[in-house]
Amino acid sequence: QGKFTLLRDTRTDGSFLVHHFLSFYLRAGCKVCFVALLQSFSHYNIVAQKLGVSLTAAKERGQLVFLEGLKSCLDLLFGEEEEEQSAQPSPLQFISESASNLKALFDFVRTSLTPGGGDSWKGPVLLVDDLSVLLSLGATPVAVLDFIHYCRVAVCSQLKGNIVVLVHSNEDSEDEENELVVNSLCHHSDLILWVEGLATGFCKDVHGQIKIIRRVSLELTAEQDHIQIYQYKIQDKNVTFFARGLSAAVL
């Protein structure tokens, strides 16, 4: 409880980790607020069904609060949400305003995860896929980092919940704003799962490697961070992990 997990991918797609955490927390009985900025609800639902979880059922019973970023952006840009806006602002209101302010998005997260009278969920979880999209939509790096800071205070500190955030990064990229956000988040994370494509290129039997960094140094002990590196292969319904160079195809 109270942990901030950063999912970082470089030269590959780390979204399989998002699907894992989503199904994991729903099966564990946690209340989940999913800020989905990258794909549609149906996409996440189809993958979740393969993993044995129904997002539709989770939404109906109030366990999952789903923000479909693609639909919200279209509604805001083309004015199809004007009637609803009069009652409550859209969480992505900053797109249509001059000020890059993510307060509406934070209010949406806090309202979604604050327990009500009849709630019996184990703990609140905020899942964001993918934080880099907020920068593409016009938010400034400072606004994005402020948003994450306030979410950590509300979800991790006050509600004793967890936050899982995915960001894309490319060390050779000229996108300085994105790299600033990624590096800042790395310094604040309790756990970093860094997925990288193979330096040697595409391989049928090894899809990439994952670096697991446990930030022991955050606890102000004299210990170094614990780092483990594995390679992985994504299958239809699960992922196989193995030590580097020990793929079944090699052995």
Protein backbone atom coordinates (compact mmCIF):
# COMPACT_ATOMS: atom_id res chain seq x y z
CA GLN A 1 0.00 0.00 0.00
CA GLY A 2 1.05 3.57 -0.63
CA LYS A 3 3.43 2.65 -3.46
CA PHE A 4 4.10 4.42 -6.76
CA THR A 5 5.01 2.05 -9.62
CA LEU A 6 6.44 3.41 -12.86
CA LEU A 7 6.12 1.37 -16.06
CA ARG A 8 8.65 2.64 -18.58
CA ASP A 9 9.14 1.36 -22.12
CA THR A 10 11.91 2.10 -24.63
CA ARG A 11 12.00 0.86 -28.24
CA THR A 12 9.10 -1.50 -27.56
CA ASP A 13 5.49 -1.59 -26.30
CA GLY A 14 5.07 -2.05 -22.55
CA SER A 15 1.27 -2.09 -22.56
CA PHE A 16 1.19 -5.79 -21.57
CA LEU A 17 2.17 -4.59 -18.07
CA VAL A 18 -0.84 -2.24 -17.97
CA HIS A 19 -3.18 -5.14 -18.81
CA HIS A 20 -1.50 -7.25 -16.11
CA PHE A 21 -1.92 -4.63 -13.36
CA LEU A 22 -5.52 -3.85 -14.41
CA SER A 23 -6.64 -7.48 -14.21
CA PHE A 24 -4.50 -8.11 -11.09
CA TYR A 25 -6.06 -5.27 -9.05
CA LEU A 26 -9.61 -6.03 -10.20
CA ARG A 27 -9.24 -9.69 -9.22
CA ALA A 28 -7.79 -8.57 -5.86
CA GLY A 29 -11.01 -6.62 -5.14
CA CYS A 30 -9.49 -3.13 -5.30
CA LYS A 31 -11.32 0.01 -6.44
CA VAL A 32 -9.61 1.05 -9.70
CA CYS A 33 -9.66 4.44 -11.46
CA PHE A 34 -8.27 3.84 -14.97
CA VAL A 35 -7.25 6.95 -16.93
CA ALA A 36 -6.98 5.38 -20.39
CA LEU A 37 -5.56 7.88 -22.85
CA LEU A 38 -4.10 5.47 -25.41
CA GLN A 39 -6.79 2.96 -26.42
CA SER A 40 -10.58 2.56 -26.44
CA PHE A 41 -12.59 0.77 -23.74
CA SER A 42 -13.36 -2.12 -26.09
CA HIS A 43 -9.63 -2.74 -26.66
CA TYR A 44 -8.89 -3.01 -22.93
CA ASN A 45 -12.04 -5.11 -22.40
CA ILE A 46 -11.07 -7.65 -25.09
CA VAL A 47 -7.59 -8.13 -23.60
CA ALA A 48 -9.01 -8.31 -20.06
CA GLN A 49 -11.44 -11.07 -21.13
CA LYS A 50 -8.45 -13.13 -22.31
CA LEU A 51 -7.03 -12.67 -18.81
CA GLY A 52 -10.32 -13.77 -17.23
CA VAL A 53 -11.69 -10.36 -16.15
CA SER A 54 -14.75 -8.48 -17.43
CA LEU A 55 -14.30 -4.70 -17.40
CA THR A 56 -17.97 -4.18 -18.26
CA ALA A 57 -19.05 -6.13 -15.16
CA ALA A 58 -16.47 -4.27 -13.02
CA LYS A 59 -17.87 -0.92 -14.22
CA GLU A 60 -21.45 -1.97 -13.50
CA ARG A 61 -20.70 -2.99 -9.93
CA GLY A 62 -18.80 0.26 -9.33
CA GLN A 63 -15.37 -1.32 -8.91
CA LEU A 64 -13.89 0.26 -12.06
CA VAL A 65 -14.10 3.95 -12.98
CA PHE A 66 -12.98 4.26 -16.60
CA LEU A 67 -12.01 7.51 -18.30
CA GLU A 68 -11.94 6.95 -22.06
CA GLY A 69 -9.50 9.67 -23.11
CA LEU A 70 -9.97 9.24 -26.88
CA LYS A 71 -13.73 9.77 -26.65
CA SER A 72 -13.44 12.67 -24.17
CA CYS A 73 -10.97 14.49 -26.44
CA LEU A 74 -13.27 14.17 -29.45
CA ASP A 75 -16.29 15.31 -27.45
CA LEU A 76 -14.40 18.36 -26.18
CA LEU A 77 -12.91 19.33 -29.54
CA PHE A 78 -16.13 18.91 -31.51
CA GLY A 79 -18.49 20.21 -28.83
CA GLU A 80 -20.62 17.11 -28.34
CA GLU A 81 -20.40 17.33 -24.55
CA GLU A 82 -21.67 20.87 -24.02
CA GLU A 83 -24.80 19.83 -22.13
CA GLU A 84 -22.86 17.67 -19.68
CA GLN A 85 -20.19 20.33 -19.16
CA SER A 86 -22.66 22.73 -17.63
CA ALA A 87 -23.17 20.30 -14.73
CA GLN A 88 -19.61 18.98 -14.37
CA PRO A 89 -16.43 19.90 -16.28
CA SER A 90 -14.73 17.24 -18.37
CA PRO A 91 -11.62 15.72 -16.73
CA LEU A 92 -9.64 16.74 -19.85
CA GLN A 93 -10.96 20.30 -19.78
CA PHE A 94 -7.43 21.72 -20.19
CA ILE A 95 -7.48 20.85 -23.93
CA SER A 96 -10.01 23.57 -24.70
CA GLU A 97 -8.58 26.16 -22.27
CA SER A 98 -5.56 28.41 -22.56
CA ALA A 99 -4.20 27.43 -19.13
CA SER A 100 -2.47 24.05 -18.92
CA ASN A 101 -4.18 23.03 -15.70
CA LEU A 102 -4.91 19.38 -14.84
CA LYS A 103 -7.00 20.21 -11.75
CA ALA A 104 -10.18 18.83 -13.37
CA LEU A 105 -8.41 15.51 -14.03
CA PHE A 106 -7.15 15.36 -10.44
CA ASP A 107 -10.65 16.13 -9.10
CA PHE A 108 -12.00 13.27 -11.25
CA VAL A 109 -9.42 10.85 -9.79
CA ARG A 110 -9.97 11.96 -6.19
CA THR A 111 -13.77 11.78 -6.50
CA SER A 112 -13.59 8.35 -8.15
CA LEU A 113 -11.37 6.80 -5.48
CA THR A 114 -12.73 8.44 -2.31
CA PRO A 115 -14.66 5.64 -0.59
CA GLY A 116 -18.42 6.07 -0.20
CA GLY A 117 -20.66 4.79 2.57
CA GLY A 118 -21.38 1.34 1.15
CA ASP A 119 -17.98 0.65 -0.46
CA SER A 120 -16.25 -2.56 0.59
CA TRP A 121 -13.30 -2.48 -1.84
CA LYS A 122 -9.88 -3.36 -0.44
CA GLY A 123 -7.93 -0.30 -1.54
CA PRO A 124 -7.90 2.42 -4.21
CA VAL A 125 -5.68 2.15 -7.29
CA LEU A 126 -4.94 4.79 -9.95
CA LEU A 127 -3.80 3.39 -13.30
CA VAL A 128 -2.67 5.75 -16.10
CA ASP A 129 -2.01 4.64 -19.70
CA ASP A 130 -0.13 6.57 -21.00
CA LEU A 131 1.10 9.71 -19.20
CA SER A 132 3.11 10.90 -22.25
CA VAL A 133 -0.21 11.50 -24.07
CA LEU A 134 -0.98 14.43 -21.74
CA LEU A 135 2.11 16.22 -23.07
CA SER A 136 0.98 15.54 -26.65
CA LEU A 137 -2.41 17.07 -25.79
CA GLY A 138 -0.73 20.32 -24.72
CA ALA A 139 -0.12 19.94 -20.98
CA THR A 140 3.21 21.32 -19.75
CA PRO A 141 5.74 19.04 -17.97
CA VAL A 142 5.24 21.03 -14.75
CA ALA A 143 1.45 20.53 -14.93
CA VAL A 144 1.88 16.77 -15.48
CA LEU A 145 4.33 16.44 -12.58
CA ASP A 146 2.05 18.54 -10.34
CA PHE A 147 -0.85 16.24 -11.25
CA ILE A 148 1.16 13.14 -10.29
CA HIS A 149 2.35 14.82 -7.06
CA TYR A 150 -1.20 15.64 -5.95
CA CYS A 151 -2.37 12.14 -6.92
CA ARG A 152 0.40 10.63 -4.80
CA VAL A 153 -0.63 12.74 -1.81
CA ALA A 154 -4.33 11.87 -2.24
CA VAL A 155 -4.10 8.20 -3.28
CA CYS A 156 -0.86 6.93 -1.72
CA SER A 157 -0.63 9.03 1.47
CA GLN A 158 -4.24 9.81 2.43
CA LEU A 159 -6.14 6.81 1.03
CA LYS A 160 -3.25 4.29 1.41
CA GLY A 161 -3.69 3.15 -2.18
CA ASN A 162 -1.37 2.50 -5.11
CA ILE A 163 -0.53 4.30 -8.36
CA VAL A 164 0.69 2.61 -11.55
CA VAL A 165 1.74 4.88 -14.45
CA LEU A 166 3.04 4.01 -17.92
CA VAL A 167 5.35 6.40 -19.80
CA HIS A 168 7.12 6.02 -23.14
CA SER A 169 10.73 7.10 -23.32
CA ASN A 170 13.50 7.16 -25.88
CA GLU A 171 16.94 8.20 -24.74
CA ASP A 172 17.87 9.28 -28.27
CA SER A 173 14.71 11.36 -28.63
CA GLU A 174 14.72 15.13 -29.04
CA ASP A 175 11.49 15.38 -27.02
CA GLU A 176 13.03 17.12 -24.02
CA GLU A 177 9.71 17.66 -22.23
CA ASN A 178 8.90 13.95 -22.22
CA GLU A 179 12.39 12.99 -21.03
CA LEU A 180 12.13 15.58 -18.24
CA VAL A 181 8.88 14.00 -17.01
CA VAL A 182 10.26 10.45 -17.29
CA ASN A 183 13.47 11.26 -15.39
CA SER A 184 11.57 13.13 -12.67
CA LEU A 185 9.17 10.22 -12.17
CA CYS A 186 12.08 7.76 -11.96
CA HIS A 187 13.44 9.69 -8.96
CA HIS A 188 10.10 9.44 -7.11
CA SER A 189 9.10 5.85 -7.91
CA ASP A 190 9.10 3.03 -5.36
CA LEU A 191 9.33 0.44 -8.14
CA ILE A 192 10.36 0.85 -11.79
CA LEU A 193 9.55 -1.79 -14.41
CA TRP A 194 11.60 -0.74 -17.44
CA VAL A 195 10.80 -2.67 -20.61
CA GLU A 196 13.29 -2.36 -23.47
CA GLY A 197 13.47 -3.75 -26.97
CA LEU A 198 16.48 -5.92 -27.76
CA ALA A 199 19.54 -3.95 -28.86
CA THR A 200 20.14 -6.60 -31.54
CA GLY A 201 16.72 -6.05 -33.11
CA PHE A 202 13.68 -8.30 -33.59
CA CYS A 203 13.68 -11.89 -32.36
CA LYS A 204 10.84 -14.39 -32.65
CA ASP A 205 11.53 -16.11 -29.32
CA VAL A 206 12.67 -13.16 -27.17
CA HIS A 207 10.50 -10.05 -27.36
CA GLY A 208 12.55 -7.81 -25.09
CA GLN A 209 14.05 -7.40 -21.65
CA ILE A 210 12.63 -6.00 -18.43
CA LYS A 211 14.67 -4.25 -15.76
CA ILE A 212 13.09 -4.38 -12.29
CA ILE A 213 14.41 -1.59 -10.08
CA ARG A 214 13.35 -1.59 -6.42
CA ARG A 215 14.12 1.87 -5.02
CA VAL A 216 15.44 0.89 -1.61
CA SER A 217 17.37 4.20 -1.51
CA LEU A 218 14.05 6.06 -1.12
CA GLU A 219 13.74 4.60 2.39
CA LEU A 220 16.88 6.58 3.39
CA THR A 221 18.85 3.43 4.16
CA ALA A 222 22.45 3.04 3.11
CA GLU A 223 21.52 0.24 0.67
CA GLN A 224 21.78 0.42 -3.10
CA ASP A 225 18.71 -0.01 -5.30
CA HIS A 226 17.97 -3.66 -6.14
CA ILE A 227 18.12 -4.28 -9.90
CA GLN A 228 17.09 -7.50 -11.65
CA ILE A 229 17.11 -8.02 -15.41
CA TYR A 230 15.09 -10.67 -17.25
CA GLN A 231 14.15 -11.32 -20.85
CA TYR A 232 10.57 -12.14 -21.80
CA LYS A 233 8.33 -13.58 -24.46
CA ILE A 234 4.69 -12.46 -24.75
CA GLN A 235 2.21 -15.26 -25.44
CA ASP A 236 -1.51 -15.17 -26.06
CA LYS A 237 -2.63 -15.14 -22.42
CA ASN A 238 0.57 -14.76 -20.40
CA VAL A 239 4.23 -13.70 -20.49
CA THR A 240 7.22 -15.98 -19.96
CA PHE A 241 10.27 -14.55 -18.16
CA PHE A 242 13.76 -16.04 -18.14
CA ALA A 243 17.34 -15.03 -17.36
CA ARG A 244 19.25 -13.37 -20.19
CA GLY A 245 20.45 -15.87 -22.77
CA LEU A 246 18.39 -18.72 -21.31
CA SER A 247 15.43 -18.65 -23.70
CA ALA A 248 13.91 -22.07 -24.54
CA ALA A 249 14.88 -21.49 -28.17
CA VAL A 250 18.57 -21.10 -27.20
CA LEU A 251 18.63 -24.08 -24.83
